């Protein structure tokens, strides 16, 4: 661990997880852990009898799906800006939820 890193303990699904975090990245990591915990809580609320492993797996899949579609939207917006830079683009700040993700978290 270098002098710019420190060990920070985060609580995820009721478990303490120690991560080495660069000092200037710590606020971002707290935000990211908050997003993960929110998604886990939503899944746990909708599927209370599932194991922690299943809950975490579903959260990973949902977050990866959201990342995938966000990357697609970004690439599409960048392509549009290159082809027509005078046309303003607006990106939705609302997370992308597909029918499959909604169905999984509502079952």
PDB file of N, CA and C in Angstrom:
ATOM      1  N   UNK A   1       0.861  -1.171   0.000  1.00  0.00           N
ATOM      2  CA  UNK A   1       0.000   0.000   0.000  1.00  0.00           C
ATOM      3  C   UNK A   1       0.907   1.234   0.000  1.00  0.00           C
ATOM      4  N   UNK A   2       0.693   2.117  -0.968  1.00  0.00           N
ATOM      5  CA  UNK A   2       1.518   3.323  -1.008  1.00  0.00           C
ATOM      6  C   UNK A   2       0.940   4.399  -0.091  1.00  0.00           C
ATOM      7  N   UNK A   3       1.662   5.500   0.033  1.00  0.00           N
ATOM      8  CA  UNK A   3       1.267   6.546   0.984  1.00  0.00           C
ATOM      9  C   UNK A   3      -0.004   7.282   0.565  1.00  0.00           C
ATOM     10  N   UNK A   4      -0.431   7.149  -0.686  1.00  0.00           N
ATOM     11  CA  UNK A   4      -1.657   7.803  -1.139  1.00  0.00           C
ATOM     12  C   UNK A   4      -2.884   6.905  -0.950  1.00  0.00           C
ATOM     13  N   UNK A   5      -2.654   5.655  -0.599  1.00  0.00           N
ATOM     14  CA  UNK A   5      -3.749   4.714  -0.381  1.00  0.00           C
ATOM     15  C   UNK A   5      -3.991   4.535   1.108  1.00  0.00           C
ATOM     16  N   UNK A   6      -5.220   4.175   1.396  1.00  0.00           N
ATOM     17  CA  UNK A   6      -5.533   3.805   2.771  1.00  0.00           C
ATOM     18  C   UNK A   6      -6.594   2.730   2.743  1.00  0.00           C
ATOM     19  N   UNK A   7      -6.656   1.980   3.796  1.00  0.00           N
ATOM     20  CA  UNK A   7      -7.635   0.911   3.914  1.00  0.00           C
ATOM     21  C   UNK A   7      -8.931   1.514   4.437  1.00  0.00           C
ATOM     22  N   UNK A   8     -10.006   1.291   3.681  1.00  0.00           N
ATOM     23  CA  UNK A   8     -11.313   1.807   4.072  1.00  0.00           C
ATOM     24  C   UNK A   8     -12.262   0.621   4.147  1.00  0.00           C
ATOM     25  N   UNK A   9     -13.051   0.576   5.204  1.00  0.00           N
ATOM     26  CA  UNK A   9     -14.001  -0.513   5.392  1.00  0.00           C
ATOM     27  C   UNK A   9     -15.378  -0.024   4.963  1.00  0.00           C
ATOM     28  N   UNK A  10     -15.970  -0.781   4.031  1.00  0.00           N
ATOM     29  CA  UNK A  10     -17.308  -0.482   3.537  1.00  0.00           C
ATOM     30  C   UNK A  10     -18.232  -1.612   3.959  1.00  0.00           C
ATOM     31  N   UNK A  11     -19.499  -1.294   4.189  1.00  0.00           N
ATOM     32  CA  UNK A  11     -20.471  -2.316   4.538  1.00  0.00           C
ATOM     33  C   UNK A  11     -21.336  -2.583   3.317  1.00  0.00           C
ATOM     34  N   UNK A  12     -21.313  -3.835   2.856  1.00  0.00           N
ATOM     35  CA  UNK A  12     -22.098  -4.250   1.698  1.00  0.00           C
ATOM     36  C   UNK A  12     -22.906  -5.476   2.093  1.00  0.00           C
ATOM     37  N   UNK A  13     -24.204  -5.360   1.996  1.00  0.00           N
ATOM     38  CA  UNK A  13     -25.125  -6.443   2.348  1.00  0.00           C
ATOM     39  C   UNK A  13     -24.838  -6.991   3.754  1.00  0.00           C
ATOM     40  N   UNK A  14     -24.579  -6.074   4.674  1.00  0.00           N
ATOM     41  CA  UNK A  14     -24.353  -6.457   6.061  1.00  0.00           C
ATOM     42  C   UNK A  14     -22.976  -7.004   6.364  1.00  0.00           C
ATOM     43  N   UNK A  15     -22.087  -6.957   5.387  1.00  0.00           N
ATOM     44  CA  UNK A  15     -20.731  -7.468   5.594  1.00  0.00           C
ATOM     45  C   UNK A  15     -19.729  -6.332   5.428  1.00  0.00           C
ATOM     46  N   UNK A  16     -18.742  -6.305   6.305  1.00  0.00           N
ATOM     47  CA  UNK A  16     -17.672  -5.321   6.175  1.00  0.00           C
ATOM     48  C   UNK A  16     -16.658  -5.809   5.149  1.00  0.00           C
ATOM     49  N   UNK A  17     -16.340  -4.936   4.212  1.00  0.00           N
ATOM     50  CA  UNK A  17     -15.372  -5.254   3.172  1.00  0.00           C
ATOM     51  C   UNK A  17     -14.309  -4.163   3.186  1.00  0.00           C
ATOM     52  N   UNK A  18     -13.062  -4.566   3.411  1.00  0.00           N
ATOM     53  CA  UNK A  18     -11.951  -3.617   3.447  1.00  0.00           C
ATOM     54  C   UNK A  18     -11.348  -3.499   2.048  1.00  0.00           C
ATOM     55  N   UNK A  19     -11.222  -2.274   1.586  1.00  0.00           N
ATOM     56  CA  UNK A  19     -10.629  -2.009   0.276  1.00  0.00           C
ATOM     57  C   UNK A  19      -9.511  -0.990   0.420  1.00  0.00           C
ATOM     58  N   UNK A  20      -8.487  -1.157  -0.393  1.00  0.00           N
ATOM     59  CA  UNK A  20      -7.449  -0.134  -0.462  1.00  0.00           C
ATOM     60  C   UNK A  20      -7.916   0.908  -1.460  1.00  0.00           C
ATOM     61  N   UNK A  21      -8.003   2.147  -1.011  1.00  0.00           N
ATOM     62  CA  UNK A  21      -8.551   3.230  -1.822  1.00  0.00           C
ATOM     63  C   UNK A  21      -7.585   4.395  -1.813  1.00  0.00           C
ATOM     64  N   UNK A  22      -7.346   4.956  -2.990  1.00  0.00           N
ATOM     65  CA  UNK A  22      -6.532   6.168  -3.036  1.00  0.00           C
ATOM     66  C   UNK A  22      -7.296   7.281  -2.335  1.00  0.00           C
ATOM     67  N   UNK A  23      -6.566   8.096  -1.603  1.00  0.00           N
ATOM     68  CA  UNK A  23      -7.164   9.143  -0.781  1.00  0.00           C
ATOM     69  C   UNK A  23      -8.166   9.994  -1.564  1.00  0.00           C
ATOM     70  N   UNK A  24      -7.811  10.406  -2.780  1.00  0.00           N
ATOM     71  CA  UNK A  24      -8.697  11.284  -3.540  1.00  0.00           C
ATOM     72  C   UNK A  24      -9.863  10.543  -4.192  1.00  0.00           C
ATOM     73  N   UNK A  25      -9.872   9.209  -4.159  1.00  0.00           N
ATOM     74  CA  UNK A  25     -10.979   8.429  -4.714  1.00  0.00           C
ATOM     75  C   UNK A  25     -11.988   7.984  -3.656  1.00  0.00           C
ATOM     76  N   UNK A  26     -11.690   8.247  -2.403  1.00  0.00           N
ATOM     77  CA  UNK A  26     -12.557   7.759  -1.328  1.00  0.00           C
ATOM     78  C   UNK A  26     -13.989   8.274  -1.428  1.00  0.00           C
ATOM     79  N   UNK A  27     -14.234   9.565  -1.694  1.00  0.00           N
ATOM     80  CA  UNK A  27     -15.629  10.018  -1.815  1.00  0.00           C
ATOM     81  C   UNK A  27     -16.384   9.309  -2.949  1.00  0.00           C
ATOM     82  N   UNK A  28     -15.706   9.066  -4.046  1.00  0.00           N
ATOM     83  CA  UNK A  28     -16.339   8.365  -5.169  1.00  0.00           C
ATOM     84  C   UNK A  28     -16.673   6.932  -4.774  1.00  0.00           C
ATOM     85  N   UNK A  29     -15.764   6.288  -4.057  1.00  0.00           N
ATOM     86  CA  UNK A  29     -16.019   4.912  -3.621  1.00  0.00           C
ATOM     87  C   UNK A  29     -17.217   4.849  -2.676  1.00  0.00           C
ATOM     88  N   UNK A  30     -17.366   5.842  -1.806  1.00  0.00           N
ATOM     89  CA  UNK A  30     -18.533   5.872  -0.930  1.00  0.00           C
ATOM     90  C   UNK A  30     -19.812   5.995  -1.759  1.00  0.00           C
ATOM     91  N   UNK A  31     -19.769   6.802  -2.794  1.00  0.00           N
ATOM     92  CA  UNK A  31     -20.924   6.959  -3.685  1.00  0.00           C
ATOM     93  C   UNK A  31     -21.223   5.645  -4.416  1.00  0.00           C
ATOM     94  N   UNK A  32     -20.196   5.000  -4.925  1.00  0.00           N
ATOM     95  CA  UNK A  32     -20.371   3.732  -5.637  1.00  0.00           C
ATOM     96  C   UNK A  32     -20.933   2.656  -4.714  1.00  0.00           C
ATOM     97  N   UNK A  33     -20.389   2.562  -3.516  1.00  0.00           N
ATOM     98  CA  UNK A  33     -20.895   1.581  -2.547  1.00  0.00           C
ATOM     99  C   UNK A  33     -22.358   1.880  -2.218  1.00  0.00           C
ATOM    100  N   UNK A  34     -22.709   3.144  -2.152  1.00  0.00           N
ATOM    101  CA  UNK A  34     -24.114   3.524  -1.919  1.00  0.00           C
ATOM    102  C   UNK A  34     -25.019   3.037  -3.040  1.00  0.00           C
ATOM    103  N   UNK A  35     -24.568   3.171  -4.286  1.00  0.00           N
ATOM    104  CA  UNK A  35     -25.342   2.696  -5.440  1.00  0.00           C
ATOM    105  C   UNK A  35     -25.510   1.179  -5.360  1.00  0.00           C
ATOM    106  N   UNK A  36     -24.428   0.481  -5.057  1.00  0.00           N
ATOM    107  CA  UNK A  36     -24.481  -0.981  -4.942  1.00  0.00           C
ATOM    108  C   UNK A  36     -25.447  -1.380  -3.827  1.00  0.00           C
ATOM    109  N   UNK A  37     -25.349  -0.731  -2.672  1.00  0.00           N
ATOM    110  CA  UNK A  37     -26.233  -1.068  -1.555  1.00  0.00           C
ATOM    111  C   UNK A  37     -27.700  -0.783  -1.877  1.00  0.00           C
ATOM    112  N   UNK A  38     -27.961   0.292  -2.618  1.00  0.00           N
ATOM    113  CA  UNK A  38     -29.340   0.588  -3.021  1.00  0.00           C
ATOM    114  C   UNK A  38     -29.885  -0.518  -3.916  1.00  0.00           C
ATOM    115  N   UNK A  39     -29.073  -0.967  -4.879  1.00  0.00           N
ATOM    116  CA  UNK A  39     -29.523  -2.020  -5.788  1.00  0.00           C
ATOM    117  C   UNK A  39     -29.736  -3.322  -5.023  1.00  0.00           C
ATOM    118  N   UNK A  40     -28.818  -3.640  -4.108  1.00  0.00           N
ATOM    119  CA  UNK A  40     -28.971  -4.851  -3.293  1.00  0.00           C
ATOM    120  C   UNK A  40     -30.239  -4.786  -2.447  1.00  0.00           C
ATOM    121  N   UNK A  41     -30.515  -3.635  -1.883  1.00  0.00           N
ATOM    122  CA  UNK A  41     -31.709  -3.469  -1.042  1.00  0.00           C
ATOM    123  C   UNK A  41     -32.981  -3.646  -1.867  1.00  0.00           C
ATOM    124  N   UNK A  42     -32.983  -3.123  -3.092  1.00  0.00           N
ATOM    125  CA  UNK A  42     -34.148  -3.270  -3.968  1.00  0.00           C
ATOM    126  C   UNK A  42     -34.393  -4.740  -4.292  1.00  0.00           C
ATOM    127  N   UNK A  43     -33.330  -5.440  -4.638  1.00  0.00           N
ATOM    128  CA  UNK A  43     -33.462  -6.865  -4.955  1.00  0.00           C
ATOM    129  C   UNK A  43     -33.887  -7.646  -3.722  1.00  0.00           C
ATOM    130  N   UNK A  44     -33.273  -7.364  -2.597  1.00  0.00           N
ATOM    131  CA  UNK A  44     -33.609  -8.063  -1.348  1.00  0.00           C
ATOM    132  C   UNK A  44     -35.071  -7.809  -0.970  1.00  0.00           C
ATOM    133  N   UNK A  45     -35.542  -6.596  -1.196  1.00  0.00           N
ATOM    134  CA  UNK A  45     -36.929  -6.247  -0.891  1.00  0.00           C
ATOM    135  C   UNK A  45     -37.902  -7.058  -1.758  1.00  0.00           C
ATOM    136  N   UNK A  46     -37.536  -7.239  -3.034  1.00  0.00           N
ATOM    137  CA  UNK A  46     -38.408  -7.947  -3.970  1.00  0.00           C
ATOM    138  C   UNK A  46     -38.236  -9.466  -3.920  1.00  0.00           C
ATOM    139  N   UNK A  47     -37.093  -9.918  -3.471  1.00  0.00           N
ATOM    140  CA  UNK A  47     -36.808 -11.362  -3.398  1.00  0.00           C
ATOM    141  C   UNK A  47     -36.213 -11.694  -2.031  1.00  0.00           C
ATOM    142  N   UNK A  48     -36.989 -11.552  -0.977  1.00  0.00           N
ATOM    143  CA  UNK A  48     -36.441 -11.679   0.386  1.00  0.00           C
ATOM    144  C   UNK A  48     -35.923 -13.063   0.753  1.00  0.00           C
ATOM    145  N   UNK A  49     -36.344 -14.105   0.053  1.00  0.00           N
ATOM    146  CA  UNK A  49     -35.908 -15.445   0.424  1.00  0.00           C
ATOM    147  C   UNK A  49     -34.659 -15.911  -0.327  1.00  0.00           C
ATOM    148  N   UNK A  50     -34.167 -15.095  -1.245  1.00  0.00           N
ATOM    149  CA  UNK A  50     -32.974 -15.482  -2.005  1.00  0.00           C
ATOM    150  C   UNK A  50     -31.730 -15.407  -1.122  1.00  0.00           C
ATOM    151  N   UNK A  51     -30.743 -16.210  -1.469  1.00  0.00           N
ATOM    152  CA  UNK A  51     -29.476 -16.206  -0.728  1.00  0.00           C
ATOM    153  C   UNK A  51     -28.708 -14.921  -1.030  1.00  0.00           C
ATOM    154  N   UNK A  52     -27.737 -14.627  -0.182  1.00  0.00           N
ATOM    155  CA  UNK A  52     -26.882 -13.456  -0.425  1.00  0.00           C
ATOM    156  C   UNK A  52     -26.173 -13.573  -1.766  1.00  0.00           C
ATOM    157  N   UNK A  53     -25.725 -14.788  -2.097  1.00  0.00           N
ATOM    158  CA  UNK A  53     -25.021 -14.987  -3.352  1.00  0.00           C
ATOM    159  C   UNK A  53     -25.922 -14.674  -4.546  1.00  0.00           C
ATOM    160  N   UNK A  54     -27.154 -15.153  -4.514  1.00  0.00           N
ATOM    161  CA  UNK A  54     -28.088 -14.872  -5.605  1.00  0.00           C
ATOM    162  C   UNK A  54     -28.399 -13.384  -5.672  1.00  0.00           C
ATOM    163  N   UNK A  55     -28.612 -12.767  -4.519  1.00  0.00           N
ATOM    164  CA  UNK A  55     -28.888 -11.328  -4.474  1.00  0.00           C
ATOM    165  C   UNK A  55     -27.731 -10.542  -5.076  1.00  0.00           C
ATOM    166  N   UNK A  56     -26.512 -10.889  -4.689  1.00  0.00           N
ATOM    167  CA  UNK A  56     -25.339 -10.192  -5.223  1.00  0.00           C
ATOM    168  C   UNK A  56     -25.179 -10.449  -6.723  1.00  0.00           C
ATOM    169  N   UNK A  57     -25.437 -11.670  -7.150  1.00  0.00           N
ATOM    170  CA  UNK A  57     -25.325 -11.999  -8.568  1.00  0.00           C
ATOM    171  C   UNK A  57     -26.332 -11.209  -9.384  1.00  0.00           C
ATOM    172  N   UNK A  58     -27.577 -11.140  -8.927  1.00  0.00           N
ATOM    173  CA  UNK A  58     -28.593 -10.372  -9.640  1.00  0.00           C
ATOM    174  C   UNK A  58     -28.242  -8.890  -9.681  1.00  0.00           C
ATOM    175  N   UNK A  59     -27.685  -8.375  -8.582  1.00  0.00           N
ATOM    176  CA  UNK A  59     -27.279  -6.959  -8.562  1.00  0.00           C
ATOM    177  C   UNK A  59     -26.151  -6.721  -9.561  1.00  0.00           C
ATOM    178  N   UNK A  60     -25.192  -7.639  -9.610  1.00  0.00           N
ATOM    179  CA  UNK A  60     -24.094  -7.507 -10.580  1.00  0.00           C
ATOM    180  C   UNK A  60     -24.620  -7.497 -12.004  1.00  0.00           C
ATOM    181  N   UNK A  61     -25.534  -8.407 -12.294  1.00  0.00           N
ATOM    182  CA  UNK A  61     -26.097  -8.484 -13.643  1.00  0.00           C
ATOM    183  C   UNK A  61     -26.863  -7.203 -13.965  1.00  0.00           C
ATOM    184  N   UNK A  62     -27.668  -6.725 -13.034  1.00  0.00           N
ATOM    185  CA  UNK A  62     -28.447  -5.505 -13.271  1.00  0.00           C
ATOM    186  C   UNK A  62     -27.539  -4.292 -13.478  1.00  0.00           C
ATOM    187  N   UNK A  63     -26.500  -4.170 -12.657  1.00  0.00           N
ATOM    188  CA  UNK A  63     -25.579  -3.045 -12.798  1.00  0.00           C
ATOM    189  C   UNK A  63     -24.767  -3.144 -14.093  1.00  0.00           C
ATOM    190  N   UNK A  64     -24.361  -4.354 -14.464  1.00  0.00           N
ATOM    191  CA  UNK A  64     -23.630  -4.539 -15.724  1.00  0.00           C
ATOM    192  C   UNK A  64     -24.526  -4.226 -16.913  1.00  0.00           C
ATOM    193  N   UNK A  65     -25.784  -4.613 -16.827  1.00  0.00           N
ATOM    194  CA  UNK A  65     -26.733  -4.305 -17.899  1.00  0.00           C
ATOM    195  C   UNK A  65     -26.909  -2.789 -18.031  1.00  0.00           C
ATOM    196  N   UNK A  66     -27.043  -2.115 -16.912  1.00  0.00           N
ATOM    197  CA  UNK A  66     -27.171  -0.656 -16.918  1.00  0.00           C
ATOM    198  C   UNK A  66     -25.927  -0.006 -17.517  1.00  0.00           C
ATOM    199  N   UNK A  67     -24.756  -0.491 -17.141  1.00  0.00           N
ATOM    200  CA  UNK A  67     -23.501   0.027 -17.683  1.00  0.00           C
ATOM    201  C   UNK A  67     -23.435  -0.192 -19.190  1.00  0.00           C
ATOM    202  N   UNK A  68     -23.825  -1.372 -19.638  1.00  0.00           N
ATOM    203  CA  UNK A  68     -23.802  -1.691 -21.068  1.00  0.00           C
ATOM    204  C   UNK A  68     -24.665  -0.702 -21.860  1.00  0.00           C
ATOM    205  N   UNK A  69     -25.903  -0.493 -21.420  1.00  0.00           N
ATOM    206  CA  UNK A  69     -26.788   0.407 -22.148  1.00  0.00           C
ATOM    207  C   UNK A  69     -26.346   1.866 -22.030  1.00  0.00           C
ATOM    208  N   UNK A  70     -25.754   2.227 -20.921  1.00  0.00           N
ATOM    209  CA  UNK A  70     -25.222   3.583 -20.774  1.00  0.00           C
ATOM    210  C   UNK A  70     -24.063   3.804 -21.741  1.00  0.00           C
ATOM    211  N   UNK A  71     -23.193   2.802 -21.873  1.00  0.00           N
ATOM    212  CA  UNK A  71     -22.089   2.896 -22.835  1.00  0.00           C
ATOM    213  C   UNK A  71     -22.623   3.024 -24.262  1.00  0.00           C
ATOM    214  N   UNK A  72     -23.672   2.250 -24.578  1.00  0.00           N
ATOM    215  CA  UNK A  72     -24.278   2.347 -25.910  1.00  0.00           C
ATOM    216  C   UNK A  72     -24.835   3.747 -26.151  1.00  0.00           C
ATOM    217  N   UNK A  73     -25.519   4.306 -25.155  1.00  0.00           N
ATOM    218  CA  UNK A  73     -26.080   5.653 -25.284  1.00  0.00           C
ATOM    219  C   UNK A  73     -24.966   6.677 -25.468  1.00  0.00           C
ATOM    220  N   UNK A  74     -23.888   6.537 -24.727  1.00  0.00           N
ATOM    221  CA  UNK A  74     -22.764   7.454 -24.842  1.00  0.00           C
ATOM    222  C   UNK A  74     -22.134   7.361 -26.224  1.00  0.00           C
ATOM    223  N   UNK A  75     -21.913   6.146 -26.706  1.00  0.00           N
ATOM    224  CA  UNK A  75     -21.326   5.968 -28.032  1.00  0.00           C
ATOM    225  C   UNK A  75     -22.231   6.554 -29.105  1.00  0.00           C
ATOM    226  N   UNK A  76     -23.530   6.355 -28.959  1.00  0.00           N
ATOM    227  CA  UNK A  76     -24.493   6.896 -29.917  1.00  0.00           C
ATOM    228  C   UNK A  76     -24.483   8.426 -29.895  1.00  0.00           C
ATOM    229  N   UNK A  77     -24.433   8.997 -28.693  1.00  0.00           N
ATOM    230  CA  UNK A  77     -24.394  10.456 -28.574  1.00  0.00           C
ATOM    231  C   UNK A  77     -23.099  11.016 -29.154  1.00  0.00           C
ATOM    232  N   UNK A  78     -21.991  10.325 -28.921  1.00  0.00           N
ATOM    233  CA  UNK A  78     -20.713  10.784 -29.471  1.00  0.00           C
ATOM    234  C   UNK A  78     -20.718  10.707 -30.993  1.00  0.00           C
ATOM    235  N   UNK A  79     -21.287   9.633 -31.536  1.00  0.00           N
ATOM    236  CA  UNK A  79     -21.385   9.497 -32.985  1.00  0.00           C
ATOM    237  C   UNK A  79     -22.249  10.602 -33.560  1.00  0.00           C
ATOM    238  N   UNK A  80     -23.356  10.888 -32.891  1.00  0.00           N
ATOM    239  CA  UNK A  80     -24.257  11.947 -33.346  1.00  0.00           C
ATOM    240  C   UNK A  80     -23.556  13.304 -33.300  1.00  0.00           C
ATOM    241  N   UNK A  81     -22.776  13.557 -32.254  1.00  0.00           N
ATOM    242  CA  UNK A  81     -22.070  14.839 -32.142  1.00  0.00           C
ATOM    243  C   UNK A  81     -21.023  14.981 -33.233  1.00  0.00           C
ATOM    244  N   UNK A  82     -20.365  13.885 -33.589  1.00  0.00           N
ATOM    245  CA  UNK A  82     -19.352  13.928 -34.638  1.00  0.00           C
ATOM    246  C   UNK A  82     -20.012  14.174 -35.988  1.00  0.00           C
ATOM    247  N   UNK A  83     -21.157  13.520 -36.223  1.00  0.00           N
ATOM    248  CA  UNK A  83     -21.824  13.674 -37.509  1.00  0.00           C
ATOM    249  C   UNK A  83     -22.585  14.985 -37.621  1.00  0.00           C
ATOM    250  N   UNK A  84     -23.067  15.521 -36.511  1.00  0.00           N
ATOM    251  CA  UNK A  84     -23.814  16.786 -36.524  1.00  0.00           C
ATOM    252  C   UNK A  84     -23.527  17.559 -35.240  1.00  0.00           C
ATOM    253  N   UNK A  85     -22.368  18.218 -35.159  1.00  0.00           N
ATOM    254  CA  UNK A  85     -21.985  18.885 -33.908  1.00  0.00           C
ATOM    255  C   UNK A  85     -22.890  20.050 -33.510  1.00  0.00           C
ATOM    256  N   UNK A  86     -23.702  20.573 -34.422  1.00  0.00           N
ATOM    257  CA  UNK A  86     -24.576  21.698 -34.089  1.00  0.00           C
ATOM    258  C   UNK A  86     -25.836  21.249 -33.366  1.00  0.00           C
ATOM    259  N   UNK A  87     -26.152  19.952 -33.405  1.00  0.00           N
ATOM    260  CA  UNK A  87     -27.362  19.438 -32.772  1.00  0.00           C
ATOM    261  C   UNK A  87     -27.062  19.077 -31.327  1.00  0.00           C
ATOM    262  N   UNK A  88     -27.726  19.763 -30.382  1.00  0.00           N
ATOM    263  CA  UNK A  88     -27.482  19.421 -28.969  1.00  0.00           C
ATOM    264  C   UNK A  88     -28.091  18.068 -28.651  1.00  0.00           C
ATOM    265  N   UNK A  89     -27.424  17.344 -27.773  1.00  0.00           N
ATOM    266  CA  UNK A  89     -27.942  16.058 -27.313  1.00  0.00           C
ATOM    267  C   UNK A  89     -28.217  16.151 -25.833  1.00  0.00           C
ATOM    268  N   UNK A  90     -29.213  15.421 -25.392  1.00  0.00           N
ATOM    269  CA  UNK A  90     -29.516  15.375 -23.958  1.00  0.00           C
ATOM    270  C   UNK A  90     -29.438  13.942 -23.504  1.00  0.00           C
ATOM    271  N   UNK A  91     -28.785  13.739 -22.407  1.00  0.00           N
ATOM    272  CA  UNK A  91     -28.669  12.390 -21.841  1.00  0.00           C
ATOM    273  C   UNK A  91     -29.577  12.311 -20.631  1.00  0.00           C
ATOM    274  N   UNK A  92     -30.277  11.238 -20.524  1.00  0.00           N
ATOM    275  CA  UNK A  92     -31.146  11.021 -19.379  1.00  0.00           C
ATOM    276  C   UNK A  92     -30.299  10.718 -18.158  1.00  0.00           C
ATOM    277  N   UNK A  93     -30.621  11.335 -17.032  1.00  0.00           N
ATOM    278  CA  UNK A  93     -29.881  11.052 -15.807  1.00  0.00           C
ATOM    279  C   UNK A  93     -30.519   9.898 -15.041  1.00  0.00           C
ATOM    280  N   UNK A  94     -31.663   9.424 -15.523  1.00  0.00           N
ATOM    281  CA  UNK A  94     -32.347   8.315 -14.870  1.00  0.00           C
ATOM    282  C   UNK A  94     -31.696   7.003 -15.289  1.00  0.00           C
ATOM    283  N   UNK A  95     -31.437   6.099 -14.345  1.00  0.00           N
ATOM    284  CA  UNK A  95     -30.832   4.813 -14.702  1.00  0.00           C
ATOM    285  C   UNK A  95     -31.700   4.043 -15.687  1.00  0.00           C
ATOM    286  N   UNK A  96     -31.053   3.323 -16.545  1.00  0.00           N
ATOM    287  CA  UNK A  96     -31.745   2.514 -17.539  1.00  0.00           C
ATOM    288  C   UNK A  96     -32.243   1.239 -16.868  1.00  0.00           C
ATOM    289  N   UNK A  97     -33.519   0.975 -17.009  1.00  0.00           N
ATOM    290  CA  UNK A  97     -34.089  -0.263 -16.491  1.00  0.00           C
ATOM    291  C   UNK A  97     -34.785  -0.953 -17.652  1.00  0.00           C
ATOM    292  N   UNK A  98     -34.324  -2.119 -18.005  1.00  0.00           N
ATOM    293  CA  UNK A  98     -34.957  -2.866 -19.081  1.00  0.00           C
ATOM    294  C   UNK A  98     -36.085  -3.696 -18.509  1.00  0.00           C
ATOM    295  N   UNK A  99     -36.884  -4.270 -19.397  1.00  0.00           N
ATOM    296  CA  UNK A  99     -37.979  -5.113 -18.919  1.00  0.00           C
ATOM    297  C   UNK A  99     -37.454  -6.283 -18.106  1.00  0.00           C
ATOM    298  N   UNK A 100     -36.322  -6.862 -18.553  1.00  0.00           N
ATOM    299  CA  UNK A 100     -35.766  -8.008 -17.835  1.00  0.00           C
ATOM    300  C   UNK A 100     -35.320  -7.599 -16.436  1.00  0.00           C
ATOM    301  N   UNK A 101     -34.648  -6.463 -16.302  1.00  0.00           N
ATOM    302  CA  UNK A 101     -34.197  -6.001 -14.995  1.00  0.00           C
ATOM    303  C   UNK A 101     -35.389  -5.711 -14.094  1.00  0.00           C
ATOM    304  N   UNK A 102     -36.396  -5.032 -14.625  1.00  0.00           N
ATOM    305  CA  UNK A 102     -37.586  -4.730 -13.834  1.00  0.00           C
ATOM    306  C   UNK A 102     -38.253  -6.011 -13.360  1.00  0.00           C
ATOM    307  N   UNK A 103     -38.378  -6.991 -14.273  1.00  0.00           N
ATOM    308  CA  UNK A 103     -39.031  -8.246 -13.938  1.00  0.00           C
ATOM    309  C   UNK A 103     -38.269  -8.961 -12.824  1.00  0.00           C
ATOM    310  N   UNK A 104     -36.946  -9.002 -12.922  1.00  0.00           N
ATOM    311  CA  UNK A 104     -36.138  -9.698 -11.911  1.00  0.00           C
ATOM    312  C   UNK A 104     -36.255  -9.058 -10.556  1.00  0.00           C
ATOM    313  N   UNK A 105     -36.306  -7.720 -10.505  1.00  0.00           N
ATOM    314  CA  UNK A 105     -36.342  -7.048  -9.210  1.00  0.00           C
ATOM    315  C   UNK A 105     -37.745  -6.968  -8.647  1.00  0.00           C
ATOM    316  N   UNK A 106     -38.763  -7.272  -9.463  1.00  0.00           N
ATOM    317  CA  UNK A 106     -40.137  -7.196  -8.978  1.00  0.00           C
ATOM    318  C   UNK A 106     -40.731  -8.561  -8.673  1.00  0.00           C
ATOM    319  N   UNK A 107     -40.026  -9.633  -9.023  1.00  0.00           N
ATOM    320  CA  UNK A 107     -40.562 -10.980  -8.765  1.00  0.00           C
ATOM    321  C   UNK A 107     -40.566 -11.308  -7.303  1.00  0.00           C
TER     322      UNK A 107
END
